[in-house]
């Protein structure tokens, strides 16, 4: 896991983001983000370059919760999901961490 503060709310509280992946995914986080951004703009890469980025990259999933302050279920569920993705030893969860970035 890697923890980031990405700004402040209107009440000056930290807005946080957590990246979850295996060690290689966290180590190469900036490279993976750059590859994903490049793929998102077709003016920056040709078809052959895109194929190389896809082969070397990983999907990145962005999960956001907690829109309304009086609704705690969505915030609690995303925290539970983050915990399970980070610590579970289940083979299926470990495989997700090796192929994705959350």
N, C-alpha and C. Protein backbone atom coordinates (compact mmCIF):
# COMPACT_ATOMS: atom_id res chain seq x y z
N UNK A 1 0.84 -1.19 0.00
CA UNK A 1 0.00 0.00 0.00
C UNK A 1 0.88 1.24 0.00
N UNK A 2 0.37 2.26 -0.62
CA UNK A 2 1.02 3.57 -0.57
C UNK A 2 -0.06 4.60 -0.32
N UNK A 3 0.17 5.45 0.63
CA UNK A 3 -0.80 6.44 1.09
C UNK A 3 -0.41 7.81 0.56
N UNK A 4 -1.38 8.55 0.03
CA UNK A 4 -1.15 9.89 -0.50
C UNK A 4 -2.17 10.86 0.08
N UNK A 5 -1.76 12.09 0.29
CA UNK A 5 -2.70 13.18 0.53
C UNK A 5 -2.78 13.94 -0.78
N UNK A 6 -3.99 14.05 -1.34
CA UNK A 6 -4.13 14.67 -2.67
C UNK A 6 -4.80 16.03 -2.62
N UNK A 7 -4.94 16.56 -1.42
CA UNK A 7 -5.53 17.88 -1.30
C UNK A 7 -6.26 18.04 0.02
N UNK A 8 -6.99 19.11 0.12
CA UNK A 8 -7.76 19.43 1.33
C UNK A 8 -9.22 19.65 0.96
N UNK A 9 -10.09 19.27 1.88
CA UNK A 9 -11.51 19.53 1.69
C UNK A 9 -11.80 20.98 2.03
N UNK A 10 -13.04 21.39 1.84
CA UNK A 10 -13.41 22.76 2.19
C UNK A 10 -13.33 23.02 3.68
N UNK A 11 -13.35 21.92 4.47
CA UNK A 11 -13.19 22.04 5.92
C UNK A 11 -11.74 21.84 6.34
N UNK A 12 -10.80 21.84 5.40
CA UNK A 12 -9.35 21.69 5.61
C UNK A 12 -8.95 20.30 6.07
N UNK A 13 -9.79 19.30 5.85
CA UNK A 13 -9.41 17.91 6.15
C UNK A 13 -8.64 17.35 4.96
N UNK A 14 -7.70 16.46 5.24
CA UNK A 14 -6.95 15.82 4.16
C UNK A 14 -7.86 14.96 3.31
N UNK A 15 -7.69 15.03 2.01
CA UNK A 15 -8.32 14.11 1.08
C UNK A 15 -7.25 13.08 0.76
N UNK A 16 -7.53 11.82 1.07
CA UNK A 16 -6.50 10.80 0.95
C UNK A 16 -6.80 9.83 -0.17
N UNK A 17 -5.73 9.22 -0.66
CA UNK A 17 -5.83 8.18 -1.67
C UNK A 17 -4.84 7.10 -1.27
N UNK A 18 -5.22 5.84 -1.48
CA UNK A 18 -4.35 4.72 -1.17
C UNK A 18 -4.19 3.89 -2.44
N UNK A 19 -2.95 3.58 -2.79
CA UNK A 19 -2.68 2.67 -3.90
C UNK A 19 -2.40 1.30 -3.30
N UNK A 20 -3.03 0.26 -3.84
CA UNK A 20 -2.86 -1.10 -3.34
C UNK A 20 -2.45 -1.99 -4.51
N UNK A 21 -1.35 -2.70 -4.34
CA UNK A 21 -0.87 -3.65 -5.34
C UNK A 21 0.21 -4.50 -4.68
N UNK A 22 0.81 -5.41 -5.45
CA UNK A 22 1.94 -6.14 -4.92
C UNK A 22 3.16 -5.22 -4.91
N UNK A 23 4.30 -5.70 -4.42
CA UNK A 23 5.49 -4.85 -4.31
C UNK A 23 5.92 -4.25 -5.64
N UNK A 24 5.88 -5.05 -6.69
CA UNK A 24 6.29 -4.56 -8.01
C UNK A 24 5.37 -3.44 -8.49
N UNK A 25 4.08 -3.58 -8.24
CA UNK A 25 3.12 -2.55 -8.65
C UNK A 25 3.35 -1.24 -7.93
N UNK A 26 3.62 -1.29 -6.62
CA UNK A 26 3.88 -0.07 -5.86
C UNK A 26 5.23 0.53 -6.27
N UNK A 27 6.22 -0.32 -6.47
CA UNK A 27 7.55 0.16 -6.88
C UNK A 27 7.48 0.89 -8.23
N UNK A 28 6.66 0.40 -9.14
CA UNK A 28 6.55 0.97 -10.48
C UNK A 28 5.32 1.86 -10.64
N UNK A 29 4.80 2.37 -9.55
CA UNK A 29 3.55 3.14 -9.58
C UNK A 29 3.62 4.32 -10.55
N UNK A 30 4.66 5.11 -10.49
CA UNK A 30 4.75 6.28 -11.38
C UNK A 30 4.82 5.86 -12.84
N UNK A 31 5.55 4.81 -13.12
CA UNK A 31 5.64 4.30 -14.50
C UNK A 31 4.28 3.81 -14.98
N UNK A 32 3.56 3.10 -14.13
CA UNK A 32 2.23 2.60 -14.50
C UNK A 32 1.25 3.74 -14.73
N UNK A 33 1.31 4.77 -13.88
CA UNK A 33 0.43 5.93 -14.05
C UNK A 33 0.76 6.65 -15.36
N UNK A 34 2.03 6.80 -15.66
CA UNK A 34 2.44 7.47 -16.90
C UNK A 34 1.97 6.68 -18.13
N UNK A 35 2.13 5.36 -18.09
CA UNK A 35 1.69 4.52 -19.21
C UNK A 35 0.19 4.64 -19.41
N UNK A 36 -0.56 4.62 -18.31
CA UNK A 36 -2.02 4.73 -18.40
C UNK A 36 -2.43 6.09 -18.97
N UNK A 37 -1.78 7.16 -18.53
CA UNK A 37 -2.08 8.50 -19.04
C UNK A 37 -1.75 8.59 -20.53
N UNK A 38 -0.66 7.97 -20.94
CA UNK A 38 -0.28 7.98 -22.35
C UNK A 38 -1.32 7.24 -23.19
N UNK A 39 -1.77 6.10 -22.70
CA UNK A 39 -2.80 5.35 -23.42
C UNK A 39 -4.12 6.10 -23.52
N UNK A 40 -4.36 6.98 -22.56
CA UNK A 40 -5.60 7.75 -22.54
C UNK A 40 -5.65 8.87 -23.56
N UNK A 41 -4.53 9.17 -24.20
CA UNK A 41 -4.48 10.24 -25.19
C UNK A 41 -3.89 9.69 -26.48
N UNK A 42 -4.71 9.38 -27.47
CA UNK A 42 -4.22 8.75 -28.70
C UNK A 42 -3.23 9.60 -29.49
N UNK A 43 -3.11 10.87 -29.17
CA UNK A 43 -2.14 11.72 -29.86
C UNK A 43 -0.72 11.45 -29.38
N UNK A 44 -0.57 10.75 -28.25
CA UNK A 44 0.75 10.56 -27.64
C UNK A 44 1.42 9.24 -28.01
N UNK A 45 0.70 8.31 -28.64
CA UNK A 45 1.29 7.00 -28.91
C UNK A 45 0.65 6.38 -30.16
N UNK A 46 1.48 5.68 -30.93
CA UNK A 46 0.95 4.98 -32.10
C UNK A 46 0.48 3.58 -31.68
N UNK A 47 -0.06 2.81 -32.61
CA UNK A 47 -0.63 1.50 -32.28
C UNK A 47 0.42 0.55 -31.72
N UNK A 48 1.61 0.53 -32.31
CA UNK A 48 2.66 -0.37 -31.82
C UNK A 48 3.11 0.02 -30.41
N UNK A 49 3.24 1.32 -30.17
CA UNK A 49 3.61 1.80 -28.85
C UNK A 49 2.54 1.49 -27.82
N UNK A 50 1.29 1.61 -28.23
CA UNK A 50 0.17 1.30 -27.33
C UNK A 50 0.19 -0.17 -26.95
N UNK A 51 0.46 -1.05 -27.91
CA UNK A 51 0.51 -2.48 -27.61
C UNK A 51 1.61 -2.79 -26.59
N UNK A 52 2.75 -2.13 -26.70
CA UNK A 52 3.84 -2.34 -25.74
C UNK A 52 3.44 -1.84 -24.34
N UNK A 53 2.80 -0.70 -24.28
CA UNK A 53 2.36 -0.17 -22.99
C UNK A 53 1.32 -1.09 -22.34
N UNK A 54 0.40 -1.60 -23.15
CA UNK A 54 -0.63 -2.50 -22.63
C UNK A 54 0.00 -3.78 -22.10
N UNK A 55 0.95 -4.33 -22.85
CA UNK A 55 1.60 -5.58 -22.43
C UNK A 55 2.39 -5.41 -21.13
N UNK A 56 3.00 -4.25 -20.93
CA UNK A 56 3.83 -4.01 -19.75
C UNK A 56 3.05 -3.41 -18.58
N UNK A 57 1.84 -2.94 -18.85
CA UNK A 57 1.09 -2.21 -17.84
C UNK A 57 0.13 -3.08 -17.04
N UNK A 58 -0.70 -2.39 -16.28
CA UNK A 58 -1.75 -3.01 -15.46
C UNK A 58 -2.96 -2.11 -15.49
N UNK A 59 -4.14 -2.69 -15.35
CA UNK A 59 -5.30 -1.81 -15.20
C UNK A 59 -5.23 -1.11 -13.85
N UNK A 60 -5.68 0.12 -13.81
CA UNK A 60 -5.75 0.89 -12.57
C UNK A 60 -7.21 1.19 -12.30
N UNK A 61 -7.68 0.80 -11.13
CA UNK A 61 -9.07 1.01 -10.73
C UNK A 61 -9.13 2.12 -9.70
N UNK A 62 -10.05 3.02 -9.88
CA UNK A 62 -10.25 4.14 -8.96
C UNK A 62 -11.59 3.94 -8.28
N UNK A 63 -11.56 3.76 -6.97
CA UNK A 63 -12.78 3.55 -6.19
C UNK A 63 -12.97 4.74 -5.27
N UNK A 64 -14.11 5.39 -5.35
CA UNK A 64 -14.39 6.56 -4.53
C UNK A 64 -15.68 6.33 -3.77
N UNK A 65 -15.66 6.67 -2.50
CA UNK A 65 -16.84 6.49 -1.67
C UNK A 65 -17.02 7.69 -0.75
N UNK A 66 -18.16 7.73 -0.10
CA UNK A 66 -18.39 8.73 0.94
C UNK A 66 -18.83 10.07 0.42
N UNK A 67 -19.87 10.10 -0.41
CA UNK A 67 -20.34 11.36 -0.96
C UNK A 67 -21.08 12.20 0.09
N UNK A 68 -21.92 11.54 0.90
CA UNK A 68 -22.72 12.26 1.89
C UNK A 68 -22.22 11.93 3.29
N UNK A 69 -21.99 12.96 4.11
CA UNK A 69 -21.39 12.76 5.43
C UNK A 69 -22.25 11.93 6.37
N UNK A 70 -23.54 11.87 6.17
CA UNK A 70 -24.39 11.10 7.07
C UNK A 70 -24.63 9.66 6.60
N UNK A 71 -24.00 9.26 5.50
CA UNK A 71 -24.14 7.90 4.98
C UNK A 71 -22.80 7.19 5.13
N UNK A 72 -22.68 6.38 6.17
CA UNK A 72 -21.38 5.76 6.48
C UNK A 72 -21.14 4.44 5.77
N UNK A 73 -22.16 3.80 5.25
CA UNK A 73 -22.00 2.48 4.65
C UNK A 73 -21.00 2.43 3.51
N UNK A 74 -21.04 3.40 2.62
CA UNK A 74 -20.13 3.38 1.46
C UNK A 74 -18.68 3.58 1.90
N UNK A 75 -18.46 4.45 2.87
CA UNK A 75 -17.11 4.68 3.37
C UNK A 75 -16.59 3.43 4.06
N UNK A 76 -17.41 2.81 4.89
CA UNK A 76 -17.00 1.61 5.59
C UNK A 76 -16.72 0.47 4.62
N UNK A 77 -17.51 0.34 3.57
CA UNK A 77 -17.31 -0.77 2.63
C UNK A 77 -16.02 -0.61 1.85
N UNK A 78 -15.66 0.59 1.45
CA UNK A 78 -14.42 0.77 0.70
C UNK A 78 -13.21 0.56 1.61
N UNK A 79 -13.31 0.91 2.88
CA UNK A 79 -12.22 0.64 3.83
C UNK A 79 -12.05 -0.86 4.02
N UNK A 80 -13.16 -1.58 4.12
CA UNK A 80 -13.09 -3.05 4.24
C UNK A 80 -12.47 -3.66 2.99
N UNK A 81 -12.86 -3.19 1.82
CA UNK A 81 -12.29 -3.70 0.58
C UNK A 81 -10.79 -3.42 0.52
N UNK A 82 -10.37 -2.22 0.87
CA UNK A 82 -8.95 -1.88 0.87
C UNK A 82 -8.17 -2.80 1.81
N UNK A 83 -8.72 -3.02 2.99
CA UNK A 83 -8.07 -3.90 3.96
C UNK A 83 -7.91 -5.31 3.39
N UNK A 84 -8.97 -5.84 2.83
CA UNK A 84 -8.90 -7.20 2.28
C UNK A 84 -7.92 -7.30 1.12
N UNK A 85 -7.90 -6.31 0.24
CA UNK A 85 -6.96 -6.32 -0.88
C UNK A 85 -5.52 -6.24 -0.38
N UNK A 86 -5.30 -5.53 0.71
CA UNK A 86 -3.94 -5.33 1.22
C UNK A 86 -3.40 -6.52 2.00
N UNK A 87 -4.25 -7.21 2.76
CA UNK A 87 -3.72 -8.22 3.68
C UNK A 87 -4.14 -9.65 3.40
N UNK A 88 -5.11 -9.87 2.58
CA UNK A 88 -5.61 -11.22 2.37
C UNK A 88 -4.54 -12.11 1.73
N UNK A 89 -4.49 -13.34 2.19
CA UNK A 89 -3.60 -14.35 1.60
C UNK A 89 -4.34 -15.29 0.66
N UNK A 90 -5.61 -15.01 0.40
CA UNK A 90 -6.37 -15.86 -0.51
C UNK A 90 -5.76 -15.77 -1.91
N UNK A 91 -5.59 -16.90 -2.58
CA UNK A 91 -4.96 -16.89 -3.91
C UNK A 91 -5.63 -15.94 -4.90
N UNK A 92 -6.95 -15.88 -4.90
CA UNK A 92 -7.65 -15.00 -5.83
C UNK A 92 -7.28 -13.53 -5.57
N UNK A 93 -7.24 -13.12 -4.31
CA UNK A 93 -6.91 -11.74 -3.96
C UNK A 93 -5.45 -11.44 -4.30
N UNK A 94 -4.54 -12.37 -4.03
CA UNK A 94 -3.11 -12.19 -4.36
C UNK A 94 -2.95 -12.04 -5.87
N UNK A 95 -3.72 -12.79 -6.65
CA UNK A 95 -3.63 -12.70 -8.11
C UNK A 95 -4.10 -11.32 -8.59
N UNK A 96 -5.16 -10.79 -7.98
CA UNK A 96 -5.63 -9.45 -8.33
C UNK A 96 -4.53 -8.44 -8.08
N UNK A 97 -3.85 -8.53 -6.95
CA UNK A 97 -2.79 -7.58 -6.62
C UNK A 97 -1.60 -7.64 -7.56
N UNK A 98 -1.36 -8.78 -8.17
CA UNK A 98 -0.26 -8.92 -9.11
C UNK A 98 -0.58 -8.37 -10.50
N UNK A 99 -1.86 -8.23 -10.80
CA UNK A 99 -2.26 -7.84 -12.15
C UNK A 99 -2.96 -6.49 -12.21
N UNK A 100 -3.20 -5.88 -11.05
CA UNK A 100 -3.97 -4.65 -11.03
C UNK A 100 -3.37 -3.66 -10.04
N UNK A 101 -3.90 -2.48 -10.06
CA UNK A 101 -3.54 -1.44 -9.11
C UNK A 101 -4.82 -0.76 -8.69
N UNK A 102 -5.05 -0.66 -7.40
CA UNK A 102 -6.25 -0.03 -6.88
C UNK A 102 -5.88 1.24 -6.15
